[in-house]
């Protein structure tokens, strides 16, 4: 997906009073982590990337009154998760470079 083309999808469950927001439209399974008492961040099971979030009880908590605080906390958590992912990728890069450098000798052993 090209940069800037993400269109979040939202659904609201009136009976449960839960707002669901998805950043991506893929089928990767997710798990959730609590941000606080009313916010859950959805994270891709395999990719470890943020996939969306849930707001518990937006009507009950009068979410309009605390909307900016909610947005700030969600952005902070998403950025934290992305930074952790970037760090993990950077730490793995030398390992893969080393493996790729050794591939010719690995293939040579098959001949």
PDB file of N, CA and C in Angstrom:
ATOM      1  N   UNK A   1       0.842  -1.169   0.000  1.00  0.00           N
ATOM      2  CA  UNK A   1       0.000   0.000   0.000  1.00  0.00           C
ATOM      3  C   UNK A   1       0.891   1.237   0.000  1.00  0.00           C
ATOM      4  N   UNK A   2       0.618   2.163  -0.867  1.00  0.00           N
ATOM      5  CA  UNK A   2       1.429   3.370  -0.976  1.00  0.00           C
ATOM      6  C   UNK A   2       1.216   4.277   0.222  1.00  0.00           C
ATOM      7  N   UNK A   3       2.242   5.090   0.500  1.00  0.00           N
ATOM      8  CA  UNK A   3       2.140   6.009   1.618  1.00  0.00           C
ATOM      9  C   UNK A   3       0.962   6.955   1.422  1.00  0.00           C
ATOM     10  N   UNK A   4       0.285   7.271   2.520  1.00  0.00           N
ATOM     11  CA  UNK A   4      -0.795   8.243   2.477  1.00  0.00           C
ATOM     12  C   UNK A   4      -2.106   7.706   1.947  1.00  0.00           C
ATOM     13  N   UNK A   5      -2.227   6.402   1.680  1.00  0.00           N
ATOM     14  CA  UNK A   5      -3.462   5.874   1.120  1.00  0.00           C
ATOM     15  C   UNK A   5      -4.284   5.074   2.125  1.00  0.00           C
ATOM     16  N   UNK A   6      -3.871   5.051   3.363  1.00  0.00           N
ATOM     17  CA  UNK A   6      -4.617   4.299   4.375  1.00  0.00           C
ATOM     18  C   UNK A   6      -5.903   5.051   4.713  1.00  0.00           C
ATOM     19  N   UNK A   7      -7.002   4.345   4.593  1.00  0.00           N
ATOM     20  CA  UNK A   7      -8.293   4.918   4.958  1.00  0.00           C
ATOM     21  C   UNK A   7      -8.838   4.090   6.112  1.00  0.00           C
ATOM     22  N   UNK A   8      -8.797   4.632   7.324  1.00  0.00           N
ATOM     23  CA  UNK A   8      -9.267   3.834   8.457  1.00  0.00           C
ATOM     24  C   UNK A   8     -10.742   3.466   8.306  1.00  0.00           C
ATOM     25  N   UNK A   9     -11.053   2.267   8.757  1.00  0.00           N
ATOM     26  CA  UNK A   9     -12.433   1.786   8.734  1.00  0.00           C
ATOM     27  C   UNK A   9     -12.923   1.724  10.173  1.00  0.00           C
ATOM     28  N   UNK A  10     -14.074   2.310  10.417  1.00  0.00           N
ATOM     29  CA  UNK A  10     -14.596   2.285  11.773  1.00  0.00           C
ATOM     30  C   UNK A  10     -15.973   1.624  11.799  1.00  0.00           C
ATOM     31  N   UNK A  11     -16.195   0.919  12.893  1.00  0.00           N
ATOM     32  CA  UNK A  11     -17.517   0.357  13.164  1.00  0.00           C
ATOM     33  C   UNK A  11     -17.814   0.612  14.631  1.00  0.00           C
ATOM     34  N   UNK A  12     -19.079   0.778  14.915  1.00  0.00           N
ATOM     35  CA  UNK A  12     -19.495   1.023  16.294  1.00  0.00           C
ATOM     36  C   UNK A  12     -20.533  -0.016  16.675  1.00  0.00           C
ATOM     37  N   UNK A  13     -20.287  -0.725  17.756  1.00  0.00           N
ATOM     38  CA  UNK A  13     -21.219  -1.706  18.293  1.00  0.00           C
ATOM     39  C   UNK A  13     -22.021  -1.022  19.388  1.00  0.00           C
ATOM     40  N   UNK A  14     -23.287  -0.665  19.066  1.00  0.00           N
ATOM     41  CA  UNK A  14     -24.146   0.042  20.025  1.00  0.00           C
ATOM     42  C   UNK A  14     -24.408  -0.785  21.277  1.00  0.00           C
ATOM     43  N   UNK A  15     -24.679  -2.072  21.080  1.00  0.00           N
ATOM     44  CA  UNK A  15     -25.016  -2.927  22.223  1.00  0.00           C
ATOM     45  C   UNK A  15     -23.870  -3.024  23.223  1.00  0.00           C
ATOM     46  N   UNK A  16     -22.650  -3.152  22.713  1.00  0.00           N
ATOM     47  CA  UNK A  16     -21.485  -3.284  23.588  1.00  0.00           C
ATOM     48  C   UNK A  16     -20.844  -1.935  23.899  1.00  0.00           C
ATOM     49  N   UNK A  17     -21.247  -0.873  23.181  1.00  0.00           N
ATOM     50  CA  UNK A  17     -20.653   0.463  23.306  1.00  0.00           C
ATOM     51  C   UNK A  17     -19.135   0.394  23.114  1.00  0.00           C
ATOM     52  N   UNK A  18     -18.756  -0.154  21.935  1.00  0.00           N
ATOM     53  CA  UNK A  18     -17.342  -0.278  21.571  1.00  0.00           C
ATOM     54  C   UNK A  18     -17.152   0.300  20.166  1.00  0.00           C
ATOM     55  N   UNK A  19     -16.163   1.170  20.023  1.00  0.00           N
ATOM     56  CA  UNK A  19     -15.793   1.720  18.726  1.00  0.00           C
ATOM     57  C   UNK A  19     -14.552   0.978  18.238  1.00  0.00           C
ATOM     58  N   UNK A  20     -14.638   0.403  17.042  1.00  0.00           N
ATOM     59  CA  UNK A  20     -13.518  -0.312  16.425  1.00  0.00           C
ATOM     60  C   UNK A  20     -12.979   0.527  15.281  1.00  0.00           C
ATOM     61  N   UNK A  21     -11.684   0.732  15.243  1.00  0.00           N
ATOM     62  CA  UNK A  21     -11.046   1.453  14.143  1.00  0.00           C
ATOM     63  C   UNK A  21      -9.913   0.582  13.627  1.00  0.00           C
ATOM     64  N   UNK A  22      -9.928   0.290  12.315  1.00  0.00           N
ATOM     65  CA  UNK A  22      -8.867  -0.503  11.676  1.00  0.00           C
ATOM     66  C   UNK A  22      -8.086   0.399  10.738  1.00  0.00           C
ATOM     67  N   UNK A  23      -6.749   0.312  10.802  1.00  0.00           N
ATOM     68  CA  UNK A  23      -5.886   1.098   9.926  1.00  0.00           C
ATOM     69  C   UNK A  23      -5.703   0.421   8.589  1.00  0.00           C
ATOM     70  N   UNK A  24      -5.757  -0.888   8.573  1.00  0.00           N
ATOM     71  CA  UNK A  24      -5.458  -1.659   7.375  1.00  0.00           C
ATOM     72  C   UNK A  24      -6.591  -2.622   7.091  1.00  0.00           C
ATOM     73  N   UNK A  25      -6.683  -3.006   5.836  1.00  0.00           N
ATOM     74  CA  UNK A  25      -7.747  -3.923   5.431  1.00  0.00           C
ATOM     75  C   UNK A  25      -7.133  -5.256   5.018  1.00  0.00           C
ATOM     76  N   UNK A  26      -6.450  -5.889   5.956  1.00  0.00           N
ATOM     77  CA  UNK A  26      -5.884  -7.198   5.654  1.00  0.00           C
ATOM     78  C   UNK A  26      -6.498  -8.226   6.591  1.00  0.00           C
ATOM     79  N   UNK A  27      -6.142  -9.451   6.384  1.00  0.00           N
ATOM     80  CA  UNK A  27      -6.730 -10.543   7.159  1.00  0.00           C
ATOM     81  C   UNK A  27      -5.807 -11.077   8.245  1.00  0.00           C
ATOM     82  N   UNK A  28      -4.728 -10.344   8.542  1.00  0.00           N
ATOM     83  CA  UNK A  28      -3.808 -10.814   9.573  1.00  0.00           C
ATOM     84  C   UNK A  28      -4.517 -10.853  10.924  1.00  0.00           C
ATOM     85  N   UNK A  29      -4.415 -11.959  11.639  1.00  0.00           N
ATOM     86  CA  UNK A  29      -5.010 -12.005  12.974  1.00  0.00           C
ATOM     87  C   UNK A  29      -4.317 -11.002  13.889  1.00  0.00           C
ATOM     88  N   UNK A  30      -5.046 -10.511  14.858  1.00  0.00           N
ATOM     89  CA  UNK A  30      -4.491  -9.523  15.776  1.00  0.00           C
ATOM     90  C   UNK A  30      -4.681  -9.954  17.224  1.00  0.00           C
ATOM     91  N   UNK A  31      -3.889  -9.351  18.074  1.00  0.00           N
ATOM     92  CA  UNK A  31      -4.110  -9.445  19.512  1.00  0.00           C
ATOM     93  C   UNK A  31      -4.181  -8.010  20.010  1.00  0.00           C
ATOM     94  N   UNK A  32      -4.676  -7.824  21.208  1.00  0.00           N
ATOM     95  CA  UNK A  32      -4.828  -6.461  21.722  1.00  0.00           C
ATOM     96  C   UNK A  32      -3.991  -6.256  22.973  1.00  0.00           C
ATOM     97  N   UNK A  33      -3.509  -5.041  23.113  1.00  0.00           N
ATOM     98  CA  UNK A  33      -2.805  -4.620  24.324  1.00  0.00           C
ATOM     99  C   UNK A  33      -3.535  -3.424  24.896  1.00  0.00           C
ATOM    100  N   UNK A  34      -3.688  -3.425  26.211  1.00  0.00           N
ATOM    101  CA  UNK A  34      -4.334  -2.291  26.872  1.00  0.00           C
ATOM    102  C   UNK A  34      -3.435  -1.066  26.824  1.00  0.00           C
ATOM    103  N   UNK A  35      -4.005   0.054  26.393  1.00  0.00           N
ATOM    104  CA  UNK A  35      -3.316   1.330  26.484  1.00  0.00           C
ATOM    105  C   UNK A  35      -3.677   1.942  27.833  1.00  0.00           C
ATOM    106  N   UNK A  36      -4.957   1.874  28.157  1.00  0.00           N
ATOM    107  CA  UNK A  36      -5.459   2.290  29.467  1.00  0.00           C
ATOM    108  C   UNK A  36      -6.820   1.634  29.683  1.00  0.00           C
ATOM    109  N   UNK A  37      -7.621   2.172  30.566  1.00  0.00           N
ATOM    110  CA  UNK A  37      -8.902   1.548  30.900  1.00  0.00           C
ATOM    111  C   UNK A  37      -9.914   1.531  29.763  1.00  0.00           C
ATOM    112  N   UNK A  38      -9.776   2.444  28.795  1.00  0.00           N
ATOM    113  CA  UNK A  38     -10.773   2.499  27.729  1.00  0.00           C
ATOM    114  C   UNK A  38     -10.214   2.251  26.329  1.00  0.00           C
ATOM    115  N   UNK A  39      -8.909   2.151  26.194  1.00  0.00           N
ATOM    116  CA  UNK A  39      -8.316   1.974  24.872  1.00  0.00           C
ATOM    117  C   UNK A  39      -7.514   0.692  24.766  1.00  0.00           C
ATOM    118  N   UNK A  40      -7.717   0.001  23.651  1.00  0.00           N
ATOM    119  CA  UNK A  40      -6.978  -1.211  23.331  1.00  0.00           C
ATOM    120  C   UNK A  40      -6.341  -1.021  21.965  1.00  0.00           C
ATOM    121  N   UNK A  41      -5.085  -1.369  21.830  1.00  0.00           N
ATOM    122  CA  UNK A  41      -4.387  -1.276  20.560  1.00  0.00           C
ATOM    123  C   UNK A  41      -4.337  -2.661  19.922  1.00  0.00           C
ATOM    124  N   UNK A  42      -4.797  -2.765  18.664  1.00  0.00           N
ATOM    125  CA  UNK A  42      -4.742  -4.030  17.931  1.00  0.00           C
ATOM    126  C   UNK A  42      -3.397  -4.135  17.228  1.00  0.00           C
ATOM    127  N   UNK A  43      -2.730  -5.272  17.401  1.00  0.00           N
ATOM    128  CA  UNK A  43      -1.399  -5.484  16.847  1.00  0.00           C
ATOM    129  C   UNK A  43      -1.408  -6.760  16.016  1.00  0.00           C
ATOM    130  N   UNK A  44      -0.807  -6.698  14.840  1.00  0.00           N
ATOM    131  CA  UNK A  44      -0.745  -7.859  13.957  1.00  0.00           C
ATOM    132  C   UNK A  44       0.032  -8.986  14.608  1.00  0.00           C
ATOM    133  N   UNK A  45      -0.558 -10.167  14.601  1.00  0.00           N
ATOM    134  CA  UNK A  45       0.040 -11.336  15.249  1.00  0.00           C
ATOM    135  C   UNK A  45       1.399 -11.677  14.653  1.00  0.00           C
ATOM    136  N   UNK A  46       1.538 -11.602  13.347  1.00  0.00           N
ATOM    137  CA  UNK A  46       2.776 -11.982  12.675  1.00  0.00           C
ATOM    138  C   UNK A  46       3.696 -10.789  12.435  1.00  0.00           C
ATOM    139  N   UNK A  47       3.129  -9.677  12.001  1.00  0.00           N
ATOM    140  CA  UNK A  47       3.946  -8.510  11.644  1.00  0.00           C
ATOM    141  C   UNK A  47       4.368  -7.701  12.856  1.00  0.00           C
ATOM    142  N   UNK A  48       3.563  -7.749  13.929  1.00  0.00           N
ATOM    143  CA  UNK A  48       3.850  -6.922  15.099  1.00  0.00           C
ATOM    144  C   UNK A  48       3.562  -5.447  14.872  1.00  0.00           C
ATOM    145  N   UNK A  49       2.857  -5.144  13.782  1.00  0.00           N
ATOM    146  CA  UNK A  49       2.550  -3.759  13.446  1.00  0.00           C
ATOM    147  C   UNK A  49       1.158  -3.375  13.933  1.00  0.00           C
ATOM    148  N   UNK A  50       0.951  -2.086  14.232  1.00  0.00           N
ATOM    149  CA  UNK A  50      -0.379  -1.655  14.658  1.00  0.00           C
ATOM    150  C   UNK A  50      -1.381  -1.834  13.522  1.00  0.00           C
ATOM    151  N   UNK A  51      -2.530  -2.401  13.847  1.00  0.00           N
ATOM    152  CA  UNK A  51      -3.570  -2.650  12.847  1.00  0.00           C
ATOM    153  C   UNK A  51      -4.830  -1.842  13.121  1.00  0.00           C
ATOM    154  N   UNK A  52      -4.970  -1.343  14.349  1.00  0.00           N
ATOM    155  CA  UNK A  52      -6.150  -0.572  14.702  1.00  0.00           C
ATOM    156  C   UNK A  52      -6.239  -0.400  16.207  1.00  0.00           C
ATOM    157  N   UNK A  53      -7.385   0.099  16.638  1.00  0.00           N
ATOM    158  CA  UNK A  53      -7.602   0.244  18.074  1.00  0.00           C
ATOM    159  C   UNK A  53      -9.083   0.132  18.378  1.00  0.00           C
ATOM    160  N   UNK A  54      -9.370  -0.026  19.656  1.00  0.00           N
ATOM    161  CA  UNK A  54     -10.747  -0.112  20.144  1.00  0.00           C
ATOM    162  C   UNK A  54     -10.911   0.867  21.292  1.00  0.00           C
ATOM    163  N   UNK A  55     -12.051   1.519  21.317  1.00  0.00           N
ATOM    164  CA  UNK A  55     -12.404   2.394  22.428  1.00  0.00           C
ATOM    165  C   UNK A  55     -13.585   1.743  23.140  1.00  0.00           C
ATOM    166  N   UNK A  56     -13.402   1.435  24.410  1.00  0.00           N
ATOM    167  CA  UNK A  56     -14.454   0.807  25.205  1.00  0.00           C
ATOM    168  C   UNK A  56     -15.320   1.878  25.853  1.00  0.00           C
ATOM    169  N   UNK A  57     -16.619   1.790  25.621  1.00  0.00           N
ATOM    170  CA  UNK A  57     -17.563   2.700  26.244  1.00  0.00           C
ATOM    171  C   UNK A  57     -17.448   4.155  25.822  1.00  0.00           C
ATOM    172  N   UNK A  58     -17.349   4.451  24.520  1.00  0.00           N
ATOM    173  CA  UNK A  58     -17.209   5.856  24.132  1.00  0.00           C
ATOM    174  C   UNK A  58     -18.404   6.724  24.548  1.00  0.00           C
ATOM    175  N   UNK A  59     -19.608   6.176  24.492  1.00  0.00           N
ATOM    176  CA  UNK A  59     -20.783   6.956  24.946  1.00  0.00           C
ATOM    177  C   UNK A  59     -20.778   7.092  26.462  1.00  0.00           C
ATOM    178  N   UNK A  60     -20.496   6.003  27.131  1.00  0.00           N
ATOM    179  CA  UNK A  60     -20.463   6.015  28.592  1.00  0.00           C
ATOM    180  C   UNK A  60     -19.427   7.010  29.116  1.00  0.00           C
ATOM    181  N   UNK A  61     -18.254   7.023  28.491  1.00  0.00           N
ATOM    182  CA  UNK A  61     -17.158   7.895  28.939  1.00  0.00           C
ATOM    183  C   UNK A  61     -17.224   9.299  28.346  1.00  0.00           C
ATOM    184  N   UNK A  62     -18.283   9.560  27.554  1.00  0.00           N
ATOM    185  CA  UNK A  62     -18.431  10.864  26.904  1.00  0.00           C
ATOM    186  C   UNK A  62     -17.149  11.221  26.148  1.00  0.00           C
ATOM    187  N   UNK A  63     -16.821  10.365  25.189  1.00  0.00           N
ATOM    188  CA  UNK A  63     -15.561  10.433  24.468  1.00  0.00           C
ATOM    189  C   UNK A  63     -15.328  11.794  23.802  1.00  0.00           C
ATOM    190  N   UNK A  64     -16.393  12.506  23.447  1.00  0.00           N
ATOM    191  CA  UNK A  64     -16.215  13.827  22.840  1.00  0.00           C
ATOM    192  C   UNK A  64     -15.421  14.741  23.761  1.00  0.00           C
ATOM    193  N   UNK A  65     -15.631  14.604  25.057  1.00  0.00           N
ATOM    194  CA  UNK A  65     -14.968  15.471  26.029  1.00  0.00           C
ATOM    195  C   UNK A  65     -13.479  15.146  26.165  1.00  0.00           C
ATOM    196  N   UNK A  66     -13.094  13.918  25.880  1.00  0.00           N
ATOM    197  CA  UNK A  66     -11.685  13.527  26.048  1.00  0.00           C
ATOM    198  C   UNK A  66     -11.041  13.079  24.738  1.00  0.00           C
ATOM    199  N   UNK A  67     -11.632  13.471  23.615  1.00  0.00           N
ATOM    200  CA  UNK A  67     -11.173  13.020  22.311  1.00  0.00           C
ATOM    201  C   UNK A  67      -9.694  13.301  22.073  1.00  0.00           C
ATOM    202  N   UNK A  68      -9.216  14.493  22.365  1.00  0.00           N
ATOM    203  CA  UNK A  68      -7.812  14.823  22.113  1.00  0.00           C
ATOM    204  C   UNK A  68      -6.879  13.967  22.976  1.00  0.00           C
ATOM    205  N   UNK A  69      -7.259  13.709  24.209  1.00  0.00           N
ATOM    206  CA  UNK A  69      -6.444  12.857  25.073  1.00  0.00           C
ATOM    207  C   UNK A  69      -6.373  11.440  24.509  1.00  0.00           C
ATOM    208  N   UNK A  70      -7.487  10.945  23.995  1.00  0.00           N
ATOM    209  CA  UNK A  70      -7.526   9.607  23.404  1.00  0.00           C
ATOM    210  C   UNK A  70      -6.615   9.557  22.180  1.00  0.00           C
ATOM    211  N   UNK A  71      -6.739  10.543  21.308  1.00  0.00           N
ATOM    212  CA  UNK A  71      -5.915  10.592  20.095  1.00  0.00           C
ATOM    213  C   UNK A  71      -4.439  10.647  20.461  1.00  0.00           C
ATOM    214  N   UNK A  72      -4.087  11.474  21.431  1.00  0.00           N
ATOM    215  CA  UNK A  72      -2.693  11.603  21.850  1.00  0.00           C
ATOM    216  C   UNK A  72      -2.141  10.280  22.363  1.00  0.00           C
ATOM    217  N   UNK A  73      -2.917   9.571  23.178  1.00  0.00           N
ATOM    218  CA  UNK A  73      -2.451   8.292  23.736  1.00  0.00           C
ATOM    219  C   UNK A  73      -2.314   7.216  22.664  1.00  0.00           C
ATOM    220  N   UNK A  74      -3.280   7.172  21.746  1.00  0.00           N
ATOM    221  CA  UNK A  74      -3.195   6.187  20.663  1.00  0.00           C
ATOM    222  C   UNK A  74      -1.969   6.468  19.794  1.00  0.00           C
ATOM    223  N   UNK A  75      -1.756   7.732  19.428  1.00  0.00           N
ATOM    224  CA  UNK A  75      -0.593   8.084  18.606  1.00  0.00           C
ATOM    225  C   UNK A  75       0.705   7.717  19.313  1.00  0.00           C
ATOM    226  N   UNK A  76       0.769   7.977  20.611  1.00  0.00           N
ATOM    227  CA  UNK A  76       1.973   7.657  21.385  1.00  0.00           C
ATOM    228  C   UNK A  76       2.247   6.155  21.361  1.00  0.00           C
ATOM    229  N   UNK A  77       1.207   5.349  21.561  1.00  0.00           N
ATOM    230  CA  UNK A  77       1.378   3.898  21.572  1.00  0.00           C
ATOM    231  C   UNK A  77       1.778   3.369  20.198  1.00  0.00           C
ATOM    232  N   UNK A  78       1.153   3.899  19.141  1.00  0.00           N
ATOM    233  CA  UNK A  78       1.484   3.450  17.786  1.00  0.00           C
ATOM    234  C   UNK A  78       2.932   3.805  17.473  1.00  0.00           C
ATOM    235  N   UNK A  79       3.350   5.017  17.796  1.00  0.00           N
ATOM    236  CA  UNK A  79       4.731   5.425  17.541  1.00  0.00           C
ATOM    237  C   UNK A  79       5.727   4.580  18.325  1.00  0.00           C
ATOM    238  N   UNK A  80       5.390   4.274  19.575  1.00  0.00           N
ATOM    239  CA  UNK A  80       6.257   3.437  20.411  1.00  0.00           C
ATOM    240  C   UNK A  80       6.412   2.048  19.782  1.00  0.00           C
ATOM    241  N   UNK A  81       5.308   1.480  19.344  1.00  0.00           N
ATOM    242  CA  UNK A  81       5.336   0.160  18.720  1.00  0.00           C
ATOM    243  C   UNK A  81       6.151   0.174  17.430  1.00  0.00           C
ATOM    244  N   UNK A  82       5.968   1.207  16.623  1.00  0.00           N
ATOM    245  CA  UNK A  82       6.713   1.312  15.358  1.00  0.00           C
ATOM    246  C   UNK A  82       8.213   1.478  15.627  1.00  0.00           C
ATOM    247  N   UNK A  83       8.564   2.239  16.648  1.00  0.00           N
ATOM    248  CA  UNK A  83       9.982   2.431  16.983  1.00  0.00           C
ATOM    249  C   UNK A  83      10.603   1.110  17.450  1.00  0.00           C
ATOM    250  N   UNK A  84       9.867   0.346  18.234  1.00  0.00           N
ATOM    251  CA  UNK A  84      10.361  -0.960  18.663  1.00  0.00           C
ATOM    252  C   UNK A  84      10.586  -1.868  17.458  1.00  0.00           C
ATOM    253  N   UNK A  85       9.681  -1.816  16.500  1.00  0.00           N
ATOM    254  CA  UNK A  85       9.796  -2.631  15.294  1.00  0.00           C
ATOM    255  C   UNK A  85      11.021  -2.204  14.487  1.00  0.00           C
ATOM    256  N   UNK A  86      11.209  -0.878  14.334  1.00  0.00           N
ATOM    257  CA  UNK A  86      12.382  -0.378  13.601  1.00  0.00           C
ATOM    258  C   UNK A  86      13.676  -0.830  14.266  1.00  0.00           C
ATOM    259  N   UNK A  87      13.709  -0.771  15.589  1.00  0.00           N
ATOM    260  CA  UNK A  87      14.904  -1.175  16.335  1.00  0.00           C
ATOM    261  C   UNK A  87      15.183  -2.667  16.126  1.00  0.00           C
ATOM    262  N   UNK A  88      14.137  -3.485  16.189  1.00  0.00           N
ATOM    263  CA  UNK A  88      14.312  -4.929  16.002  1.00  0.00           C
ATOM    264  C   UNK A  88      14.823  -5.244  14.599  1.00  0.00           C
ATOM    265  N   UNK A  89      14.307  -4.542  13.602  1.00  0.00           N
ATOM    266  CA  UNK A  89      14.751  -4.756  12.226  1.00  0.00           C
ATOM    267  C   UNK A  89      16.211  -4.361  12.087  1.00  0.00           C
ATOM    268  N   UNK A  90      16.570  -3.227  12.657  1.00  0.00           N
ATOM    269  CA  UNK A  90      17.956  -2.748  12.567  1.00  0.00           C
ATOM    270  C   UNK A  90      18.924  -3.736  13.239  1.00  0.00           C
ATOM    271  N   UNK A  91      18.505  -4.325  14.362  1.00  0.00           N
ATOM    272  CA  UNK A  91      19.346  -5.293  15.060  1.00  0.00           C
ATOM    273  C   UNK A  91      19.511  -6.584  14.258  1.00  0.00           C
ATOM    274  N   UNK A  92      18.514  -6.944  13.459  1.00  0.00           N
ATOM    275  CA  UNK A  92      18.561  -8.173  12.674  1.00  0.00           C
ATOM    276  C   UNK A  92      19.337  -8.012  11.370  1.00  0.00           C
ATOM    277  N   UNK A  93      19.477  -6.790  10.891  1.00  0.00           N
ATOM    278  CA  UNK A  93      20.106  -6.544   9.597  1.00  0.00           C
ATOM    279  C   UNK A  93      21.510  -7.142   9.462  1.00  0.00           C
ATOM    280  N   UNK A  94      22.411  -6.974  10.449  1.00  0.00           N
ATOM    281  CA  UNK A  94      23.751  -7.569  10.305  1.00  0.00           C
ATOM    282  C   UNK A  94      23.724  -9.098  10.223  1.00  0.00           C
ATOM    283  N   UNK A  95      22.777  -9.705  10.916  1.00  0.00           N
ATOM    284  CA  UNK A  95      22.666 -11.166  10.889  1.00  0.00           C
ATOM    285  C   UNK A  95      22.342 -11.633   9.476  1.00  0.00           C
ATOM    286  N   UNK A  96      21.362 -10.974   8.845  1.00  0.00           N
ATOM    287  CA  UNK A  96      20.980 -11.366   7.497  1.00  0.00           C
ATOM    288  C   UNK A  96      22.060 -11.035   6.479  1.00  0.00           C
ATOM    289  N   UNK A  97      22.747  -9.922   6.670  1.00  0.00           N
ATOM    290  CA  UNK A  97      23.855  -9.578   5.777  1.00  0.00           C
ATOM    291  C   UNK A  97      24.914 -10.669   5.828  1.00  0.00           C
ATOM    292  N   UNK A  98      25.231 -11.135   7.026  1.00  0.00           N
ATOM    293  CA  UNK A  98      26.211 -12.202   7.211  1.00  0.00           C
ATOM    294  C   UNK A  98      25.756 -13.486   6.511  1.00  0.00           C
ATOM    295  N   UNK A  99      24.485 -13.823   6.664  1.00  0.00           N
ATOM    296  CA  UNK A  99      23.947 -15.027   6.022  1.00  0.00           C
ATOM    297  C   UNK A  99      24.031 -14.903   4.506  1.00  0.00           C
ATOM    298  N   UNK A 100      23.618 -13.753   3.980  1.00  0.00           N
ATOM    299  CA  UNK A 100      23.640 -13.565   2.532  1.00  0.00           C
ATOM    300  C   UNK A 100      25.065 -13.600   1.979  1.00  0.00           C
ATOM    301  N   UNK A 101      26.017 -13.085   2.762  1.00  0.00           N
ATOM    302  CA  UNK A 101      27.422 -13.138   2.342  1.00  0.00           C
ATOM    303  C   UNK A 101      27.914 -14.588   2.250  1.00  0.00           C
ATOM    304  N   UNK A 102      27.358 -15.470   3.071  1.00  0.00           N
ATOM    305  CA  UNK A 102      27.791 -16.864   3.098  1.00  0.00           C
ATOM    306  C   UNK A 102      27.022 -17.753   2.127  1.00  0.00           C
ATOM    307  N   UNK A 103      26.000 -17.228   1.473  1.00  0.00           N
ATOM    308  CA  UNK A 103      25.186 -18.050   0.578  1.00  0.00           C
ATOM    309  C   UNK A 103      25.984 -18.718  -0.537  1.00  0.00           C
ATOM    310  N   UNK A 104      26.939 -18.023  -1.188  1.00  0.00           N
ATOM    311  CA  UNK A 104      27.687 -18.727  -2.249  1.00  0.00           C
ATOM    312  C   UNK A 104      28.378 -19.996  -1.742  1.00  0.00           C
ATOM    313  N   UNK A 105      28.975 -19.933  -0.568  1.00  0.00           N
ATOM    314  CA  UNK A 105      29.645 -21.139  -0.045  1.00  0.00           C
ATOM    315  C   UNK A 105      28.628 -22.196   0.378  1.00  0.00           C
ATOM    316  N   UNK A 106      27.471 -21.771   0.822  1.00  0.00           N
ATOM    317  CA  UNK A 106      26.418 -22.726   1.184  1.00  0.00           C
ATOM    318  C   UNK A 106      25.948 -23.467  -0.066  1.00  0.00           C
ATOM    319  N   UNK A 107      25.725 -22.708  -1.145  1.00  0.00           N
ATOM    320  CA  UNK A 107      25.296 -23.332  -2.405  1.00  0.00           C
ATOM    321  C   UNK A 107      26.390 -24.209  -2.985  1.00  0.00           C
ATOM    322  N   UNK A 108      27.628 -23.789  -2.785  1.00  0.00           N
ATOM    323  CA  UNK A 108      28.763 -24.557  -3.287  1.00  0.00           C
ATOM    324  C   UNK A 108      28.821 -25.944  -2.626  1.00  0.00           C
ATOM    325  N   UNK A 109      28.428 -26.013  -1.370  1.00  0.00           N
ATOM    326  CA  UNK A 109      28.471 -27.289  -0.658  1.00  0.00           C
ATOM    327  C   UNK A 109      27.459 -28.289  -1.205  1.00  0.00           C
ATOM    328  N   UNK A 110      26.473 -27.819  -1.945  1.00  0.00           N
ATOM    329  CA  UNK A 110      25.452 -28.693  -2.510  1.00  0.00           C
ATOM    330  C   UNK A 110      25.952 -29.353  -3.795  1.00  0.00           C
ATOM    331  N   UNK A 111      26.865 -28.708  -4.451  1.00  0.00           N
ATOM    332  CA  UNK A 111      27.356 -29.234  -5.758  1.00  0.00           C
ATOM    333  C   UNK A 111      28.153 -30.479  -5.614  1.00  0.00           C
TER     334      UNK A 111
END
